[in-house]
Amino acid sequence: SGKTTVFEILLQGAGTAAAGRENIGVVRVPDERIDRLSGLFQPKKTTYTQIQFVESAAAGAGRAAHKGGDLFAGVRNCDALVAVVRGFENPAAPAEDGVDPERGLRTIEAELILNDLAIVETRIERIEKELKVGKRQGEAEHALLQRIKTGLEAEHPLRETTFEPEAGKLLRGFQLLTLKPLLVLYNQDESSKHV
């Protein structure tokens, strides 16, 4: 789809480090305000904001999640996700089922949903075991996770749902992927007919 090219463009020569299935790159964000403050106060060290980009090789992750593997582990702690969807023809690298950006996006979203569903189901099972032995402190969490499970099974990403503050706080600990903002980048050539 071109995600490595996009990754390299974002880094613009900042350098990357391979970490298992992921490439990680850090870009320093220049800021004139920090430069002025540093000039005024003359600190021993000036630290700029940094953005860390992670390129994941997470294809097929949904199926792996149900077998215990988490191919999305490298991006689970990210603040946002970028899905690079192929929208170009290339005879040198033909698409298996033809180029269909909408299908590609549906596939990515389905993998994210399946991964989240596996996490939610695992937690529900643990809470149900606790409830059977009389531990009632997990009842509210169980009800919330059942609601989330129903939405995920209906193929609705969690970012489309509004949660009350207490529920949102609880869910942050799970690092569910469909809760994260998703930026979709359609990678097209100039003659592409796909949108």
C-alpha atoms as a PDB file:
ATOM      1  CA  SER A   1       0.000   0.000   0.000  1.00  0.00           C
ATOM      2  CA  GLY A   2       3.003   2.295   0.373  1.00  0.00           C
ATOM      3  CA  LYS A   3       3.121   2.658   4.157  1.00  0.00           C
ATOM      4  CA  THR A   4       6.914   2.409   4.268  1.00  0.00           C
ATOM      5  CA  THR A   5       7.176   5.284   1.769  1.00  0.00           C
ATOM      6  CA  VAL A   6       4.783   7.384   3.860  1.00  0.00           C
ATOM      7  CA  PHE A   7       6.753   6.490   6.992  1.00  0.00           C
ATOM      8  CA  GLU A   8      10.016   7.584   5.357  1.00  0.00           C
ATOM      9  CA  ILE A   9       8.444  10.851   4.137  1.00  0.00           C
ATOM     10  CA  LEU A  10       7.205  11.671   7.634  1.00  0.00           C
ATOM     11  CA  LEU A  11      10.658  11.089   9.066  1.00  0.00           C
ATOM     12  CA  GLN A  12      12.503  12.963   6.295  1.00  0.00           C
ATOM     13  CA  GLY A  13      15.873  11.430   7.100  1.00  0.00           C
ATOM     14  CA  ALA A  14      15.471  11.525  10.902  1.00  0.00           C
ATOM     15  CA  GLY A  15      16.558   7.882  11.081  1.00  0.00           C
ATOM     16  CA  THR A  16      14.724   4.776  12.150  1.00  0.00           C
ATOM     17  CA  ALA A  17      15.373   1.818  14.368  1.00  0.00           C
ATOM     18  CA  ALA A  18      13.997  -1.644  13.755  1.00  0.00           C
ATOM     19  CA  ALA A  19      12.264  -3.165  16.783  1.00  0.00           C
ATOM     20  CA  GLY A  20      10.957  -6.626  15.962  1.00  0.00           C
ATOM     21  CA  ARG A  21       8.006  -6.241  13.581  1.00  0.00           C
ATOM     22  CA  GLU A  22       8.072  -2.444  13.761  1.00  0.00           C
ATOM     23  CA  ASN A  23      10.190   0.403  12.467  1.00  0.00           C
ATOM     24  CA  ILE A  24      10.351   3.313  14.885  1.00  0.00           C
ATOM     25  CA  GLY A  25      11.371   6.848  14.049  1.00  0.00           C
ATOM     26  CA  VAL A  26      11.466   9.993  16.153  1.00  0.00           C
ATOM     27  CA  VAL A  27      11.138  13.494  14.741  1.00  0.00           C
ATOM     28  CA  ARG A  28      12.028  16.593  16.726  1.00  0.00           C
ATOM     29  CA  VAL A  29       9.427  19.338  16.358  1.00  0.00           C
ATOM     30  CA  PRO A  30      11.042  22.774  15.997  1.00  0.00           C
ATOM     31  CA  ASP A  31       9.376  25.544  18.002  1.00  0.00           C
ATOM     32  CA  GLU A  32      10.350  29.216  17.891  1.00  0.00           C
ATOM     33  CA  ARG A  33       8.848  29.766  21.359  1.00  0.00           C
ATOM     34  CA  ILE A  34      11.226  27.222  22.887  1.00  0.00           C
ATOM     35  CA  ASP A  35      14.134  28.834  21.026  1.00  0.00           C
ATOM     36  CA  ARG A  36      13.231  32.251  22.517  1.00  0.00           C
ATOM     37  CA  LEU A  37      12.810  30.843  26.034  1.00  0.00           C
ATOM     38  CA  SER A  38      16.076  28.953  25.731  1.00  0.00           C
ATOM     39  CA  GLY A  39      17.797  32.149  24.593  1.00  0.00           C
ATOM     40  CA  LEU A  40      16.382  34.080  27.561  1.00  0.00           C
ATOM     41  CA  PHE A  41      17.076  31.558  30.316  1.00  0.00           C
ATOM     42  CA  GLN A  42      20.195  29.816  28.924  1.00  0.00           C
ATOM     43  CA  PRO A  43      19.388  26.311  30.279  1.00  0.00           C
ATOM     44  CA  LYS A  44      22.003  23.562  30.235  1.00  0.00           C
ATOM     45  CA  LYS A  45      19.743  21.573  27.924  1.00  0.00           C
ATOM     46  CA  THR A  46      16.867  22.490  25.611  1.00  0.00           C
ATOM     47  CA  THR A  47      14.354  19.733  24.966  1.00  0.00           C
ATOM     48  CA  TYR A  48      11.997  19.975  22.017  1.00  0.00           C
ATOM     49  CA  THR A  49       8.752  18.118  21.592  1.00  0.00           C
ATOM     50  CA  GLN A  50       9.223  14.850  19.758  1.00  0.00           C
ATOM     51  CA  ILE A  51       6.816  12.741  17.767  1.00  0.00           C
ATOM     52  CA  GLN A  52       7.433   9.026  17.584  1.00  0.00           C
ATOM     53  CA  PHE A  53       6.191   7.231  14.476  1.00  0.00           C
ATOM     54  CA  VAL A  54       5.792   3.450  14.461  1.00  0.00           C
ATOM     55  CA  GLU A  55       5.446   1.499  11.236  1.00  0.00           C
ATOM     56  CA  SER A  56       3.774  -1.777  12.100  1.00  0.00           C
ATOM     57  CA  ALA A  57       3.708  -4.975  10.083  1.00  0.00           C
ATOM     58  CA  ALA A  58       0.320  -5.885  11.536  1.00  0.00           C
ATOM     59  CA  ALA A  59      -1.367  -7.544   8.550  1.00  0.00           C
ATOM     60  CA  GLY A  60      -3.604 -10.433   9.558  1.00  0.00           C
ATOM     61  CA  ALA A  61      -3.569  -9.336  13.185  1.00  0.00           C
ATOM     62  CA  GLY A  62      -7.203 -10.124  13.872  1.00  0.00           C
ATOM     63  CA  ARG A  63      -6.714 -13.811  13.249  1.00  0.00           C
ATOM     64  CA  ALA A  64      -3.537 -13.849  15.339  1.00  0.00           C
ATOM     65  CA  ALA A  65      -5.201 -12.092  18.274  1.00  0.00           C
ATOM     66  CA  HIS A  66      -7.582 -14.994  18.778  1.00  0.00           C
ATOM     67  CA  LYS A  67      -4.601 -17.361  18.911  1.00  0.00           C
ATOM     68  CA  GLY A  68      -2.932 -15.337  21.671  1.00  0.00           C
ATOM     69  CA  GLY A  69      -0.589 -13.218  19.552  1.00  0.00           C
ATOM     70  CA  ASP A  70      -0.896  -9.447  19.405  1.00  0.00           C
ATOM     71  CA  LEU A  71       0.671  -8.132  16.226  1.00  0.00           C
ATOM     72  CA  PHE A  72      -0.634  -4.671  17.142  1.00  0.00           C
ATOM     73  CA  ALA A  73       1.381  -4.577  20.391  1.00  0.00           C
ATOM     74  CA  GLY A  74       3.839  -2.054  18.933  1.00  0.00           C
ATOM     75  CA  VAL A  75       1.104   0.487  18.145  1.00  0.00           C
ATOM     76  CA  ARG A  76      -1.182  -0.154  21.107  1.00  0.00           C
ATOM     77  CA  ASN A  77       0.380   2.732  23.078  1.00  0.00           C
ATOM     78  CA  CYS A  78       0.141   5.195  20.181  1.00  0.00           C
ATOM     79  CA  ASP A  79      -2.145   8.205  20.450  1.00  0.00           C
ATOM     80  CA  ALA A  80      -3.508   7.865  16.899  1.00  0.00           C
ATOM     81  CA  LEU A  81      -3.384   5.472  13.957  1.00  0.00           C
ATOM     82  CA  VAL A  82      -2.780   6.117  10.262  1.00  0.00           C
ATOM     83  CA  ALA A  83      -4.105   3.526   7.833  1.00  0.00           C
ATOM     84  CA  VAL A  84      -2.409   3.636   4.435  1.00  0.00           C
ATOM     85  CA  VAL A  85      -4.791   2.197   1.858  1.00  0.00           C
ATOM     86  CA  ARG A  86      -3.678   1.275  -1.644  1.00  0.00           C
ATOM     87  CA  GLY A  87      -5.473   3.106  -4.424  1.00  0.00           C
ATOM     88  CA  PHE A  88      -3.058   2.606  -7.344  1.00  0.00           C
ATOM     89  CA  GLU A  89      -2.300  -0.032  -9.950  1.00  0.00           C
ATOM     90  CA  ASN A  90       1.264  -1.308 -10.245  1.00  0.00           C
ATOM     91  CA  PRO A  91       2.090  -4.145 -12.669  1.00  0.00           C
ATOM     92  CA  ALA A  92       5.329  -4.787 -10.763  1.00  0.00           C
ATOM     93  CA  ALA A  93       3.336  -5.443  -7.547  1.00  0.00           C
ATOM     94  CA  PRO A  94      -0.178  -6.509  -8.535  1.00  0.00           C
ATOM     95  CA  ALA A  95      -2.888  -6.549  -5.873  1.00  0.00           C
ATOM     96  CA  GLU A  96      -4.203 -10.076  -5.198  1.00  0.00           C
ATOM     97  CA  ASP A  97      -7.901  -9.223  -5.625  1.00  0.00           C
ATOM     98  CA  GLY A  98      -7.477  -6.004  -7.579  1.00  0.00           C
ATOM     99  CA  VAL A  99      -7.217  -2.496  -6.188  1.00  0.00           C
ATOM    100  CA  ASP A 100     -10.209  -1.554  -4.055  1.00  0.00           C
ATOM    101  CA  PRO A 101      -9.449   1.143  -1.442  1.00  0.00           C
ATOM    102  CA  GLU A 102     -12.839   0.778   0.256  1.00  0.00           C
ATOM    103  CA  ARG A 103     -12.328  -2.965   0.690  1.00  0.00           C
ATOM    104  CA  GLY A 104      -8.812  -2.309   1.980  1.00  0.00           C
ATOM    105  CA  LEU A 105     -10.132   0.099   4.603  1.00  0.00           C
ATOM    106  CA  ARG A 106     -12.877  -2.349   5.628  1.00  0.00           C
ATOM    107  CA  THR A 107     -10.215  -5.048   6.051  1.00  0.00           C
ATOM    108  CA  ILE A 108      -8.047  -2.831   8.238  1.00  0.00           C
ATOM    109  CA  GLU A 109     -11.027  -1.771  10.357  1.00  0.00           C
ATOM    110  CA  ALA A 110     -12.131  -5.413  10.694  1.00  0.00           C
ATOM    111  CA  GLU A 111      -8.683  -6.396  11.956  1.00  0.00           C
ATOM    112  CA  LEU A 112      -8.741  -3.595  14.528  1.00  0.00           C
ATOM    113  CA  ILE A 113     -12.246  -4.628  15.653  1.00  0.00           C
ATOM    114  CA  LEU A 114     -11.272  -8.313  15.932  1.00  0.00           C
ATOM    115  CA  ASN A 115      -8.210  -7.406  17.964  1.00  0.00           C
ATOM    116  CA  ASP A 116     -10.278  -5.280  20.358  1.00  0.00           C
ATOM    117  CA  LEU A 117     -12.953  -7.962  20.568  1.00  0.00           C
ATOM    118  CA  ALA A 118     -10.358 -10.549  21.632  1.00  0.00           C
ATOM    119  CA  ILE A 119      -9.167  -8.253  24.442  1.00  0.00           C
ATOM    120  CA  VAL A 120     -12.713  -7.462  25.606  1.00  0.00           C
ATOM    121  CA  GLU A 121     -13.781 -11.131  25.557  1.00  0.00           C
ATOM    122  CA  THR A 122     -10.716 -12.163  27.567  1.00  0.00           C
ATOM    123  CA  ARG A 123     -11.454  -9.539  30.226  1.00  0.00           C
ATOM    124  CA  ILE A 124     -15.153 -10.494  30.354  1.00  0.00           C
ATOM    125  CA  GLU A 125     -14.177 -14.139  30.989  1.00  0.00           C
ATOM    126  CA  ARG A 126     -11.936 -13.111  33.894  1.00  0.00           C
ATOM    127  CA  ILE A 127     -14.622 -10.928  35.453  1.00  0.00           C
ATOM    128  CA  GLU A 128     -17.230 -13.695  35.089  1.00  0.00           C
ATOM    129  CA  LYS A 129     -14.928 -16.080  36.975  1.00  0.00           C
ATOM    130  CA  GLU A 130     -14.608 -13.493  39.762  1.00  0.00           C
ATOM    131  CA  LEU A 131     -18.384 -12.955  39.842  1.00  0.00           C
ATOM    132  CA  LYS A 132     -18.960 -16.716  40.218  1.00  0.00           C
ATOM    133  CA  VAL A 133     -16.869 -16.791  43.393  1.00  0.00           C
ATOM    134  CA  GLY A 134     -18.727 -13.813  44.860  1.00  0.00           C
ATOM    135  CA  LYS A 135     -16.444 -10.879  43.986  1.00  0.00           C
ATOM    136  CA  ARG A 136     -18.902  -8.141  42.974  1.00  0.00           C
ATOM    137  CA  GLN A 137     -16.536  -5.200  42.385  1.00  0.00           C
ATOM    138  CA  GLY A 138     -16.325  -6.009  38.658  1.00  0.00           C
ATOM    139  CA  GLU A 139     -20.073  -5.767  37.938  1.00  0.00           C
ATOM    140  CA  ALA A 140     -19.972  -2.237  36.470  1.00  0.00           C
ATOM    141  CA  GLU A 141     -16.941  -3.081  34.326  1.00  0.00           C
ATOM    142  CA  HIS A 142     -18.654  -6.280  33.172  1.00  0.00           C
ATOM    143  CA  ALA A 143     -21.769  -4.368  32.078  1.00  0.00           C
ATOM    144  CA  LEU A 144     -19.649  -1.826  30.186  1.00  0.00           C
ATOM    145  CA  LEU A 145     -17.592  -4.520  28.461  1.00  0.00           C
ATOM    146  CA  GLN A 146     -20.735  -6.424  27.466  1.00  0.00           C
ATOM    147  CA  ARG A 147     -22.050  -3.221  25.839  1.00  0.00           C
ATOM    148  CA  ILE A 148     -18.719  -2.740  24.049  1.00  0.00           C
ATOM    149  CA  LYS A 149     -18.647  -6.372  22.944  1.00  0.00           C
ATOM    150  CA  THR A 150     -22.102  -5.989  21.380  1.00  0.00           C
ATOM    151  CA  GLY A 151     -20.943  -2.917  19.447  1.00  0.00           C
ATOM    152  CA  LEU A 152     -17.754  -4.607  18.246  1.00  0.00           C
ATOM    153  CA  GLU A 153     -19.658  -7.716  17.165  1.00  0.00           C
ATOM    154  CA  ALA A 154     -21.895  -5.399  15.118  1.00  0.00           C
ATOM    155  CA  GLU A 155     -18.647  -4.128  13.494  1.00  0.00           C
ATOM    156  CA  HIS A 156     -18.857  -0.635  15.021  1.00  0.00           C
ATOM    157  CA  PRO A 157     -15.477   0.855  15.962  1.00  0.00           C
ATOM    158  CA  LEU A 158     -15.497   2.315  19.470  1.00  0.00           C
ATOM    159  CA  ARG A 159     -14.424   5.772  18.249  1.00  0.00           C
ATOM    160  CA  GLU A 160     -18.007   6.144  16.966  1.00  0.00           C
ATOM    161  CA  THR A 161     -19.414   5.714  20.496  1.00  0.00           C
ATOM    162  CA  THR A 162     -19.597   8.349  23.210  1.00  0.00           C
ATOM    163  CA  PHE A 163     -18.688   7.145  26.692  1.00  0.00           C
ATOM    164  CA  GLU A 164     -19.336   8.779  30.040  1.00  0.00           C
ATOM    165  CA  PRO A 165     -16.105  10.031  31.717  1.00  0.00           C
ATOM    166  CA  GLU A 166     -15.860   7.135  34.199  1.00  0.00           C
ATOM    167  CA  ALA A 167     -16.219   4.550  31.403  1.00  0.00           C
ATOM    168  CA  GLY A 168     -13.691   6.403  29.246  1.00  0.00           C
ATOM    169  CA  LYS A 169     -11.194   6.337  32.098  1.00  0.00           C
ATOM    170  CA  LEU A 170     -11.664   2.589  32.552  1.00  0.00           C
ATOM    171  CA  LEU A 171     -11.312   1.903  28.822  1.00  0.00           C
ATOM    172  CA  ARG A 172      -8.039   3.852  28.489  1.00  0.00           C
ATOM    173  CA  GLY A 173      -6.299   1.085  30.413  1.00  0.00           C
ATOM    174  CA  PHE A 174      -7.158  -1.454  27.733  1.00  0.00           C
ATOM    175  CA  GLN A 175      -5.554   0.580  24.898  1.00  0.00           C
ATOM    176  CA  LEU A 176      -8.308  -0.522  22.509  1.00  0.00           C
ATOM    177  CA  LEU A 177      -7.354   0.284  18.930  1.00  0.00           C
ATOM    178  CA  THR A 178     -10.813   1.253  17.674  1.00  0.00           C
ATOM    179  CA  LEU A 179     -10.997   3.957  20.366  1.00  0.00           C
ATOM    180  CA  LYS A 180      -7.990   5.732  18.860  1.00  0.00           C
ATOM    181  CA  PRO A 181      -8.422   8.381  16.176  1.00  0.00           C
ATOM    182  CA  LEU A 182      -7.882   6.883  12.720  1.00  0.00           C
ATOM    183  CA  LEU A 183      -6.493   8.917   9.840  1.00  0.00           C
ATOM    184  CA  VAL A 184      -7.024   7.174   6.507  1.00  0.00           C
ATOM    185  CA  LEU A 185      -4.468   7.945   3.814  1.00  0.00           C
ATOM    186  CA  TYR A 186      -5.432   6.817   0.323  1.00  0.00           C
ATOM    187  CA  ASN A 187      -2.199   6.268  -1.591  1.00  0.00           C
ATOM    188  CA  GLN A 188      -2.963   6.998  -5.251  1.00  0.00           C
ATOM    189  CA  ASP A 189      -1.056   7.719  -8.410  1.00  0.00           C
ATOM    190  CA  GLU A 190      -1.937  10.651 -10.620  1.00  0.00           C
ATOM    191  CA  SER A 191      -4.059   8.564 -12.981  1.00  0.00           C
ATOM    192  CA  SER A 192      -5.994   6.758 -10.231  1.00  0.00           C
ATOM    193  CA  LYS A 193      -9.726   6.416 -10.699  1.00  0.00           C
ATOM    194  CA  HIS A 194     -10.332   5.377  -7.079  1.00  0.00           C
ATOM    195  CA  VAL A 195     -11.322   7.836  -4.351  1.00  0.00           C
END
